[in-house]
Amino acid sequence: MCKVMKQLAVLDMADLLENEEIMAGYLSEIVATGDSDLVLSAICDIVRAKGMAAIASEAGLSREALDAALSPGAPPDLALVLQLLRAFGLKLLVAPA
């Protein structure tokens, strides 16, 4: 594998999500794709960036409950997404398509 590919292989998006503005831009772009699996992955990236325990506490959940809710195959839960957005320091905005 070439050197560039080795560097790309270790890139973790959570390392790049340094503040709420970057997180909001990242999540907005992912939501715009309409891919719910990708949205869940982006939410997980933000949780990792801010810390699972801290986000669980801010969202009023146990770490285990948050982990279960973000597991692949877990049913989508709008209330949970809104709790997480608040814990991230973000809010949901709706605009014309």
PDB file of N, CA and C in Angstrom:
ATOM      1  N   MET A   1       0.851  -1.171   0.000  1.00  0.00           N
ATOM      2  CA  MET A   1       0.000   0.000   0.000  1.00  0.00           C
ATOM      3  C   MET A   1       0.900   1.239   0.000  1.00  0.00           C
ATOM      4  N   CYS A   2       0.549   2.233  -0.797  1.00  0.00           N
ATOM      5  CA  CYS A   2       1.385   3.435  -0.864  1.00  0.00           C
ATOM      6  C   CYS A   2       1.252   4.259   0.420  1.00  0.00           C
ATOM      7  N   LYS A   3       2.205   5.153   0.628  1.00  0.00           N
ATOM      8  CA  LYS A   3       2.263   5.942   1.855  1.00  0.00           C
ATOM      9  C   LYS A   3       0.991   6.775   2.058  1.00  0.00           C
ATOM     10  N   VAL A   4       0.473   7.378   0.992  1.00  0.00           N
ATOM     11  CA  VAL A   4      -0.737   8.197   1.099  1.00  0.00           C
ATOM     12  C   VAL A   4      -1.917   7.341   1.546  1.00  0.00           C
ATOM     13  N   MET A   5      -2.064   6.149   0.987  1.00  0.00           N
ATOM     14  CA  MET A   5      -3.161   5.268   1.364  1.00  0.00           C
ATOM     15  C   MET A   5      -3.046   4.851   2.828  1.00  0.00           C
ATOM     16  N   LYS A   6      -1.833   4.633   3.311  1.00  0.00           N
ATOM     17  CA  LYS A   6      -1.652   4.295   4.720  1.00  0.00           C
ATOM     18  C   LYS A   6      -2.111   5.447   5.604  1.00  0.00           C
ATOM     19  N   GLN A   7      -1.804   6.675   5.200  1.00  0.00           N
ATOM     20  CA  GLN A   7      -2.225   7.837   5.970  1.00  0.00           C
ATOM     21  C   GLN A   7      -3.740   7.981   5.948  1.00  0.00           C
ATOM     22  N   LEU A   8      -4.359   7.755   4.809  1.00  0.00           N
ATOM     23  CA  LEU A   8      -5.809   7.856   4.717  1.00  0.00           C
ATOM     24  C   LEU A   8      -6.500   6.782   5.545  1.00  0.00           C
ATOM     25  N   ALA A   9      -5.906   5.633   5.628  1.00  0.00           N
ATOM     26  CA  ALA A   9      -6.514   4.528   6.354  1.00  0.00           C
ATOM     27  C   ALA A   9      -6.648   4.823   7.848  1.00  0.00           C
ATOM     28  N   VAL A  10      -5.830   5.708   8.396  1.00  0.00           N
ATOM     29  CA  VAL A  10      -5.888   5.998   9.821  1.00  0.00           C
ATOM     30  C   VAL A  10      -6.675   7.273  10.133  1.00  0.00           C
ATOM     31  N   LEU A  11      -7.237   7.910   9.136  1.00  0.00           N
ATOM     32  CA  LEU A  11      -8.019   9.121   9.351  1.00  0.00           C
ATOM     33  C   LEU A  11      -9.297   8.782  10.109  1.00  0.00           C
ATOM     34  N   ASP A  12      -9.529   9.461  11.205  1.00  0.00           N
ATOM     35  CA  ASP A  12     -10.753   9.297  11.983  1.00  0.00           C
ATOM     36  C   ASP A  12     -11.469  10.637  11.976  1.00  0.00           C
ATOM     37  N   MET A  13     -12.657  10.670  11.424  1.00  0.00           N
ATOM     38  CA  MET A  13     -13.412  11.910  11.297  1.00  0.00           C
ATOM     39  C   MET A  13     -13.581  12.595  12.650  1.00  0.00           C
ATOM     40  N   ALA A  14     -13.717  11.834  13.704  1.00  0.00           N
ATOM     41  CA  ALA A  14     -13.900  12.416  15.037  1.00  0.00           C
ATOM     42  C   ALA A  14     -12.741  13.335  15.415  1.00  0.00           C
ATOM     43  N   ASP A  15     -11.546  13.052  14.907  1.00  0.00           N
ATOM     44  CA  ASP A  15     -10.383  13.889  15.205  1.00  0.00           C
ATOM     45  C   ASP A  15     -10.481  15.271  14.561  1.00  0.00           C
ATOM     46  N   LEU A  16     -11.294  15.401  13.524  1.00  0.00           N
ATOM     47  CA  LEU A  16     -11.410  16.666  12.799  1.00  0.00           C
ATOM     48  C   LEU A  16     -12.550  17.541  13.311  1.00  0.00           C
ATOM     49  N   LEU A  17     -13.416  16.985  14.125  1.00  0.00           N
ATOM     50  CA  LEU A  17     -14.604  17.705  14.599  1.00  0.00           C
ATOM     51  C   LEU A  17     -14.258  18.475  15.869  1.00  0.00           C
ATOM     52  N   GLU A  18     -13.579  19.606  15.686  1.00  0.00           N
ATOM     53  CA  GLU A  18     -12.996  20.346  16.802  1.00  0.00           C
ATOM     54  C   GLU A  18     -13.951  21.299  17.503  1.00  0.00           C
ATOM     55  N   ASN A  19     -14.997  21.750  16.817  1.00  0.00           N
ATOM     56  CA  ASN A  19     -15.913  22.703  17.437  1.00  0.00           C
ATOM     57  C   ASN A  19     -17.313  22.557  16.837  1.00  0.00           C
ATOM     58  N   GLU A  20     -18.270  23.271  17.425  1.00  0.00           N
ATOM     59  CA  GLU A  20     -19.662  23.135  17.007  1.00  0.00           C
ATOM     60  C   GLU A  20     -19.891  23.567  15.562  1.00  0.00           C
ATOM     61  N   GLU A  21     -19.165  24.568  15.092  1.00  0.00           N
ATOM     62  CA  GLU A  21     -19.338  25.007  13.700  1.00  0.00           C
ATOM     63  C   GLU A  21     -18.940  23.907  12.728  1.00  0.00           C
ATOM     64  N   ILE A  22     -17.829  23.265  12.987  1.00  0.00           N
ATOM     65  CA  ILE A  22     -17.381  22.169  12.121  1.00  0.00           C
ATOM     66  C   ILE A  22     -18.363  21.006  12.213  1.00  0.00           C
ATOM     67  N   MET A  23     -18.806  20.693  13.423  1.00  0.00           N
ATOM     68  CA  MET A  23     -19.771  19.602  13.601  1.00  0.00           C
ATOM     69  C   MET A  23     -21.070  19.893  12.858  1.00  0.00           C
ATOM     70  N   ALA A  24     -21.551  21.126  12.957  1.00  0.00           N
ATOM     71  CA  ALA A  24     -22.799  21.499  12.288  1.00  0.00           C
ATOM     72  C   ALA A  24     -22.657  21.389  10.775  1.00  0.00           C
ATOM     73  N   GLY A  25     -21.552  21.870  10.231  1.00  0.00           N
ATOM     74  CA  GLY A  25     -21.332  21.778   8.789  1.00  0.00           C
ATOM     75  C   GLY A  25     -21.238  20.341   8.319  1.00  0.00           C
ATOM     76  N   TYR A  26     -20.511  19.535   9.067  1.00  0.00           N
ATOM     77  CA  TYR A  26     -20.350  18.113   8.738  1.00  0.00           C
ATOM     78  C   TYR A  26     -21.700  17.405   8.759  1.00  0.00           C
ATOM     79  N   LEU A  27     -22.445  17.582   9.843  1.00  0.00           N
ATOM     80  CA  LEU A  27     -23.730  16.899   9.963  1.00  0.00           C
ATOM     81  C   LEU A  27     -24.726  17.403   8.923  1.00  0.00           C
ATOM     82  N   SER A  28     -24.706  18.693   8.623  1.00  0.00           N
ATOM     83  CA  SER A  28     -25.602  19.241   7.593  1.00  0.00           C
ATOM     84  C   SER A  28     -25.337  18.617   6.231  1.00  0.00           C
ATOM     85  N   GLU A  29     -24.071  18.487   5.888  1.00  0.00           N
ATOM     86  CA  GLU A  29     -23.723  17.874   4.597  1.00  0.00           C
ATOM     87  C   GLU A  29     -24.153  16.409   4.543  1.00  0.00           C
ATOM     88  N   ILE A  30     -23.982  15.698   5.640  1.00  0.00           N
ATOM     89  CA  ILE A  30     -24.365  14.289   5.682  1.00  0.00           C
ATOM     90  C   ILE A  30     -25.883  14.152   5.609  1.00  0.00           C
ATOM     91  N   VAL A  31     -26.616  14.977   6.352  1.00  0.00           N
ATOM     92  CA  VAL A  31     -28.084  14.926   6.310  1.00  0.00           C
ATOM     93  C   VAL A  31     -28.580  15.197   4.895  1.00  0.00           C
ATOM     94  N   ALA A  32     -27.918  16.098   4.186  1.00  0.00           N
ATOM     95  CA  ALA A  32     -28.321  16.440   2.814  1.00  0.00           C
ATOM     96  C   ALA A  32     -28.229  15.252   1.860  1.00  0.00           C
ATOM     97  N   THR A  33     -27.450  14.237   2.210  1.00  0.00           N
ATOM     98  CA  THR A  33     -27.359  13.058   1.340  1.00  0.00           C
ATOM     99  C   THR A  33     -28.633  12.227   1.389  1.00  0.00           C
ATOM    100  N   GLY A  34     -29.387  12.348   2.478  1.00  0.00           N
ATOM    101  CA  GLY A  34     -30.596  11.555   2.633  1.00  0.00           C
ATOM    102  C   GLY A  34     -30.337  10.113   3.030  1.00  0.00           C
ATOM    103  N   ASP A  35     -29.109   9.773   3.339  1.00  0.00           N
ATOM    104  CA  ASP A  35     -28.729   8.405   3.694  1.00  0.00           C
ATOM    105  C   ASP A  35     -28.750   8.258   5.219  1.00  0.00           C
ATOM    106  N   SER A  36     -29.763   7.579   5.744  1.00  0.00           N
ATOM    107  CA  SER A  36     -29.921   7.480   7.197  1.00  0.00           C
ATOM    108  C   SER A  36     -28.771   6.726   7.865  1.00  0.00           C
ATOM    109  N   ASP A  37     -28.199   5.746   7.184  1.00  0.00           N
ATOM    110  CA  ASP A  37     -27.048   5.031   7.755  1.00  0.00           C
ATOM    111  C   ASP A  37     -25.842   5.955   7.884  1.00  0.00           C
ATOM    112  N   LEU A  38     -25.664   6.817   6.889  1.00  0.00           N
ATOM    113  CA  LEU A  38     -24.565   7.773   6.920  1.00  0.00           C
ATOM    114  C   LEU A  38     -24.788   8.817   8.019  1.00  0.00           C
ATOM    115  N   VAL A  39     -26.045   9.230   8.211  1.00  0.00           N
ATOM    116  CA  VAL A  39     -26.368  10.177   9.282  1.00  0.00           C
ATOM    117  C   VAL A  39     -26.033   9.559  10.639  1.00  0.00           C
ATOM    118  N   LEU A  40     -26.410   8.306  10.839  1.00  0.00           N
ATOM    119  CA  LEU A  40     -26.087   7.623  12.094  1.00  0.00           C
ATOM    120  C   LEU A  40     -24.574   7.554  12.297  1.00  0.00           C
ATOM    121  N   SER A  41     -23.852   7.273  11.237  1.00  0.00           N
ATOM    122  CA  SER A  41     -22.395   7.217  11.312  1.00  0.00           C
ATOM    123  C   SER A  41     -21.820   8.582  11.696  1.00  0.00           C
ATOM    124  N   ALA A  42     -22.366   9.659  11.122  1.00  0.00           N
ATOM    125  CA  ALA A  42     -21.895  11.009  11.441  1.00  0.00           C
ATOM    126  C   ALA A  42     -22.197  11.357  12.893  1.00  0.00           C
ATOM    127  N   ILE A  43     -23.374  10.972  13.370  1.00  0.00           N
ATOM    128  CA  ILE A  43     -23.717  11.209  14.772  1.00  0.00           C
ATOM    129  C   ILE A  43     -22.728  10.468  15.671  1.00  0.00           C
ATOM    130  N   CYS A  44     -22.394   9.249  15.304  1.00  0.00           N
ATOM    131  CA  CYS A  44     -21.405   8.476  16.076  1.00  0.00           C
ATOM    132  C   CYS A  44     -20.039   9.155  16.060  1.00  0.00           C
ATOM    133  N   ASP A  45     -19.657   9.733  14.922  1.00  0.00           N
ATOM    134  CA  ASP A  45     -18.393  10.471  14.843  1.00  0.00           C
ATOM    135  C   ASP A  45     -18.385  11.628  15.835  1.00  0.00           C
ATOM    136  N   ILE A  46     -19.502  12.353  15.902  1.00  0.00           N
ATOM    137  CA  ILE A  46     -19.584  13.502  16.808  1.00  0.00           C
ATOM    138  C   ILE A  46     -19.568  13.032  18.261  1.00  0.00           C
ATOM    139  N   VAL A  47     -20.271  11.947  18.546  1.00  0.00           N
ATOM    140  CA  VAL A  47     -20.248  11.397  19.907  1.00  0.00           C
ATOM    141  C   VAL A  47     -18.819  11.039  20.300  1.00  0.00           C
ATOM    142  N   ARG A  48     -18.088  10.402  19.399  1.00  0.00           N
ATOM    143  CA  ARG A  48     -16.695  10.050  19.701  1.00  0.00           C
ATOM    144  C   ARG A  48     -15.840  11.301  19.891  1.00  0.00           C
ATOM    145  N   ALA A  49     -16.093  12.335  19.076  1.00  0.00           N
ATOM    146  CA  ALA A  49     -15.313  13.572  19.169  1.00  0.00           C
ATOM    147  C   ALA A  49     -15.523  14.261  20.516  1.00  0.00           C
ATOM    148  N   LYS A  50     -16.743  14.244  21.000  1.00  0.00           N
ATOM    149  CA  LYS A  50     -17.058  14.934  22.255  1.00  0.00           C
ATOM    150  C   LYS A  50     -16.932  14.031  23.476  1.00  0.00           C
ATOM    151  N   GLY A  51     -16.885  12.727  23.244  1.00  0.00           N
ATOM    152  CA  GLY A  51     -16.759  11.773  24.344  1.00  0.00           C
ATOM    153  C   GLY A  51     -18.095  11.138  24.690  1.00  0.00           C
ATOM    154  N   MET A  52     -18.136   9.812  24.636  1.00  0.00           N
ATOM    155  CA  MET A  52     -19.377   9.064  24.870  1.00  0.00           C
ATOM    156  C   MET A  52     -19.979   9.376  26.238  1.00  0.00           C
ATOM    157  N   ALA A  53     -19.158   9.350  27.287  1.00  0.00           N
ATOM    158  CA  ALA A  53     -19.672   9.573  28.641  1.00  0.00           C
ATOM    159  C   ALA A  53     -20.230  10.986  28.796  1.00  0.00           C
ATOM    160  N   ALA A  54     -19.530  11.974  28.256  1.00  0.00           N
ATOM    161  CA  ALA A  54     -19.984  13.365  28.366  1.00  0.00           C
ATOM    162  C   ALA A  54     -21.301  13.572  27.631  1.00  0.00           C
ATOM    163  N   ILE A  55     -21.415  13.029  26.426  1.00  0.00           N
ATOM    164  CA  ILE A  55     -22.646  13.192  25.646  1.00  0.00           C
ATOM    165  C   ILE A  55     -23.794  12.441  26.308  1.00  0.00           C
ATOM    166  N   ALA A  56     -23.541  11.239  26.787  1.00  0.00           N
ATOM    167  CA  ALA A  56     -24.593  10.475  27.468  1.00  0.00           C
ATOM    168  C   ALA A  56     -25.117  11.265  28.662  1.00  0.00           C
ATOM    169  N   SER A  57     -24.217  11.823  29.444  1.00  0.00           N
ATOM    170  CA  SER A  57     -24.609  12.608  30.612  1.00  0.00           C
ATOM    171  C   SER A  57     -25.425  13.833  30.210  1.00  0.00           C
ATOM    172  N   GLU A  58     -24.947  14.571  29.207  1.00  0.00           N
ATOM    173  CA  GLU A  58     -25.656  15.773  28.746  1.00  0.00           C
ATOM    174  C   GLU A  58     -27.017  15.446  28.168  1.00  0.00           C
ATOM    175  N   ALA A  59     -27.149  14.268  27.560  1.00  0.00           N
ATOM    176  CA  ALA A  59     -28.415  13.856  26.951  1.00  0.00           C
ATOM    177  C   ALA A  59     -29.336  13.176  27.964  1.00  0.00           C
ATOM    178  N   GLY A  60     -28.858  12.979  29.191  1.00  0.00           N
ATOM    179  CA  GLY A  60     -29.674  12.349  30.215  1.00  0.00           C
ATOM    180  C   GLY A  60     -29.821  10.848  30.031  1.00  0.00           C
ATOM    181  N   LEU A  61     -28.792  10.220  29.468  1.00  0.00           N
ATOM    182  CA  LEU A  61     -28.807   8.784  29.209  1.00  0.00           C
ATOM    183  C   LEU A  61     -27.625   8.121  29.889  1.00  0.00           C
ATOM    184  N   SER A  62     -27.745   6.828  30.110  1.00  0.00           N
ATOM    185  CA  SER A  62     -26.565   6.091  30.557  1.00  0.00           C
ATOM    186  C   SER A  62     -25.683   5.859  29.335  1.00  0.00           C
ATOM    187  N   ARG A  63     -24.425   5.616  29.582  1.00  0.00           N
ATOM    188  CA  ARG A  63     -23.494   5.330  28.481  1.00  0.00           C
ATOM    189  C   ARG A  63     -23.952   4.092  27.716  1.00  0.00           C
ATOM    190  N   GLU A  64     -24.438   3.104  28.439  1.00  0.00           N
ATOM    191  CA  GLU A  64     -24.894   1.858  27.815  1.00  0.00           C
ATOM    192  C   GLU A  64     -26.116   2.095  26.935  1.00  0.00           C
ATOM    193  N   ALA A  65     -27.056   2.930  27.419  1.00  0.00           N
ATOM    194  CA  ALA A  65     -28.263   3.223  26.639  1.00  0.00           C
ATOM    195  C   ALA A  65     -27.907   3.973  25.361  1.00  0.00           C
ATOM    196  N   LEU A  66     -26.970   4.913  25.464  1.00  0.00           N
ATOM    197  CA  LEU A  66     -26.545   5.648  24.275  1.00  0.00           C
ATOM    198  C   LEU A  66     -25.858   4.717  23.291  1.00  0.00           C
ATOM    199  N   ASP A  67     -24.998   3.861  23.783  1.00  0.00           N
ATOM    200  CA  ASP A  67     -24.307   2.906  22.928  1.00  0.00           C
ATOM    201  C   ASP A  67     -25.311   2.004  22.210  1.00  0.00           C
ATOM    202  N   ALA A  68     -26.313   1.522  22.925  1.00  0.00           N
ATOM    203  CA  ALA A  68     -27.334   0.658  22.318  1.00  0.00           C
ATOM    204  C   ALA A  68     -28.145   1.421  21.276  1.00  0.00           C
ATOM    205  N   ALA A  69     -28.483   2.675  21.570  1.00  0.00           N
ATOM    206  CA  ALA A  69     -29.288   3.478  20.646  1.00  0.00           C
ATOM    207  C   ALA A  69     -28.542   3.792  19.357  1.00  0.00           C
ATOM    208  N   LEU A  70     -27.217   3.827  19.418  1.00  0.00           N
ATOM    209  CA  LEU A  70     -26.415   4.154  18.243  1.00  0.00           C
ATOM    210  C   LEU A  70     -25.873   2.919  17.534  1.00  0.00           C
ATOM    211  N   SER A  71     -26.255   1.758  18.003  1.00  0.00           N
ATOM    212  CA  SER A  71     -25.790   0.514  17.379  1.00  0.00           C
ATOM    213  C   SER A  71     -26.468   0.306  16.034  1.00  0.00           C
ATOM    214  N   PRO A  72     -25.751  -0.296  15.078  1.00  0.00           N
ATOM    215  CA  PRO A  72     -26.375  -0.614  13.789  1.00  0.00           C
ATOM    216  C   PRO A  72     -27.614  -1.480  14.012  1.00  0.00           C
ATOM    217  N   GLY A  73     -28.688  -1.139  13.323  1.00  0.00           N
ATOM    218  CA  GLY A  73     -29.925  -1.896  13.443  1.00  0.00           C
ATOM    219  C   GLY A  73     -30.867  -1.369  14.508  1.00  0.00           C
ATOM    220  N   ALA A  74     -30.397  -0.423  15.336  1.00  0.00           N
ATOM    221  CA  ALA A  74     -31.289   0.165  16.342  1.00  0.00           C
ATOM    222  C   ALA A  74     -32.349   0.991  15.621  1.00  0.00           C
ATOM    223  N   PRO A  75     -33.586   0.964  16.108  1.00  0.00           N
ATOM    224  CA  PRO A  75     -34.641   1.724  15.428  1.00  0.00           C
ATOM    225  C   PRO A  75     -34.373   3.228  15.511  1.00  0.00           C
ATOM    226  N   PRO A  76     -34.665   3.965  14.440  1.00  0.00           N
ATOM    227  CA  PRO A  76     -34.471   5.420  14.464  1.00  0.00           C
ATOM    228  C   PRO A  76     -35.366   6.050  15.536  1.00  0.00           C
ATOM    229  N   ASP A  77     -34.866   7.063  16.198  1.00  0.00           N
ATOM    230  CA  ASP A  77     -35.597   7.699  17.287  1.00  0.00           C
ATOM    231  C   ASP A  77     -35.367   9.208  17.212  1.00  0.00           C
ATOM    232  N   LEU A  78     -36.378   9.943  16.731  1.00  0.00           N
ATOM    233  CA  LEU A  78     -36.243  11.385  16.566  1.00  0.00           C
ATOM    234  C   LEU A  78     -35.996  12.077  17.905  1.00  0.00           C
ATOM    235  N   ALA A  79     -36.666  11.619  18.959  1.00  0.00           N
ATOM    236  CA  ALA A  79     -36.458  12.234  20.275  1.00  0.00           C
ATOM    237  C   ALA A  79     -34.996  12.113  20.697  1.00  0.00           C
ATOM    238  N   LEU A  80     -34.394  10.961  20.436  1.00  0.00           N
ATOM    239  CA  LEU A  80     -32.981  10.760  20.770  1.00  0.00           C
ATOM    240  C   LEU A  80     -32.097  11.693  19.950  1.00  0.00           C
ATOM    241  N   VAL A  81     -32.390  11.813  18.666  1.00  0.00           N
ATOM    242  CA  VAL A  81     -31.598  12.702  17.807  1.00  0.00           C
ATOM    243  C   VAL A  81     -31.660  14.130  18.338  1.00  0.00           C
ATOM    244  N   LEU A  82     -32.846  14.590  18.729  1.00  0.00           N
ATOM    245  CA  LEU A  82     -32.980  15.949  19.260  1.00  0.00           C
ATOM    246  C   LEU A  82     -32.208  16.101  20.575  1.00  0.00           C
ATOM    247  N   GLN A  83     -32.247  15.082  21.442  1.00  0.00           N
ATOM    248  CA  GLN A  83     -31.465  15.105  22.689  1.00  0.00           C
ATOM    249  C   GLN A  83     -29.974  15.209  22.382  1.00  0.00           C
ATOM    250  N   LEU A  84     -29.534  14.424  21.408  1.00  0.00           N
ATOM    251  CA  LEU A  84     -28.114  14.430  21.061  1.00  0.00           C
ATOM    252  C   LEU A  84     -27.696  15.761  20.462  1.00  0.00           C
ATOM    253  N   LEU A  85     -28.531  16.328  19.599  1.00  0.00           N
ATOM    254  CA  LEU A  85     -28.192  17.630  19.018  1.00  0.00           C
ATOM    255  C   LEU A  85     -27.996  18.664  20.119  1.00  0.00           C
ATOM    256  N   ARG A  86     -28.890  18.688  21.096  1.00  0.00           N
ATOM    257  CA  ARG A  86     -28.733  19.622  22.221  1.00  0.00           C
ATOM    258  C   ARG A  86     -27.428  19.342  22.969  1.00  0.00           C
ATOM    259  N   ALA A  87     -27.135  18.068  23.202  1.00  0.00           N
ATOM    260  CA  ALA A  87     -25.895  17.706  23.903  1.00  0.00           C
ATOM    261  C   ALA A  87     -24.661  18.100  23.096  1.00  0.00           C
ATOM    262  N   PHE A  88     -24.780  18.105  21.760  1.00  0.00           N
ATOM    263  CA  PHE A  88     -23.674  18.511  20.887  1.00  0.00           C
ATOM    264  C   PHE A  88     -23.512  20.026  20.859  1.00  0.00           C
ATOM    265  N   GLY A  89     -24.513  20.766  21.365  1.00  0.00           N
ATOM    266  CA  GLY A  89     -24.507  22.220  21.247  1.00  0.00           C
ATOM    267  C   GLY A  89     -25.036  22.669  19.903  1.00  0.00           C
ATOM    268  N   LEU A  90     -25.863  21.823  19.271  1.00  0.00           N
ATOM    269  CA  LEU A  90     -26.432  22.108  17.954  1.00  0.00           C
ATOM    270  C   LEU A  90     -27.946  22.127  18.051  1.00  0.00           C
ATOM    271  N   LYS A  91     -28.607  22.608  16.992  1.00  0.00           N
ATOM    272  CA  LYS A  91     -30.063  22.563  16.927  1.00  0.00           C
ATOM    273  C   LYS A  91     -30.492  22.205  15.519  1.00  0.00           C
ATOM    274  N   LEU A  92     -31.703  21.703  15.412  1.00  0.00           N
ATOM    275  CA  LEU A  92     -32.259  21.307  14.128  1.00  0.00           C
ATOM    276  C   LEU A  92     -32.908  22.520  13.475  1.00  0.00           C
ATOM    277  N   LEU A  93     -32.555  22.788  12.231  1.00  0.00           N
ATOM    278  CA  LEU A  93     -33.170  23.857  11.453  1.00  0.00           C
ATOM    279  C   LEU A  93     -33.795  23.240  10.212  1.00  0.00           C
ATOM    280  N   VAL A  94     -34.928  23.781   9.808  1.00  0.00           N
ATOM    281  CA  VAL A  94     -35.604  23.287   8.615  1.00  0.00           C
ATOM    282  C   VAL A  94     -35.660  24.421   7.603  1.00  0.00           C
ATOM    283  N   ALA A  95     -35.345  24.106   6.350  1.00  0.00           N
ATOM    284  CA  ALA A  95     -35.344  25.109   5.283  1.00  0.00           C
ATOM    285  C   ALA A  95     -35.964  24.496   4.035  1.00  0.00           C
ATOM    286  N   PRO A  96     -36.469  25.336   3.131  1.00  0.00           N
ATOM    287  CA  PRO A  96     -36.999  24.799   1.877  1.00  0.00           C
ATOM    288  C   PRO A  96     -35.907  24.047   1.115  1.00  0.00           C
ATOM    289  N   ALA A  97     -36.308  22.996   0.440  1.00  0.00           N
ATOM    290  CA  ALA A  97     -35.331  22.172  -0.292  1.00  0.00           C
ATOM    291  C   ALA A  97     -34.810  22.862  -1.509  1.00  0.00           C
TER     292      ALA A  97
END
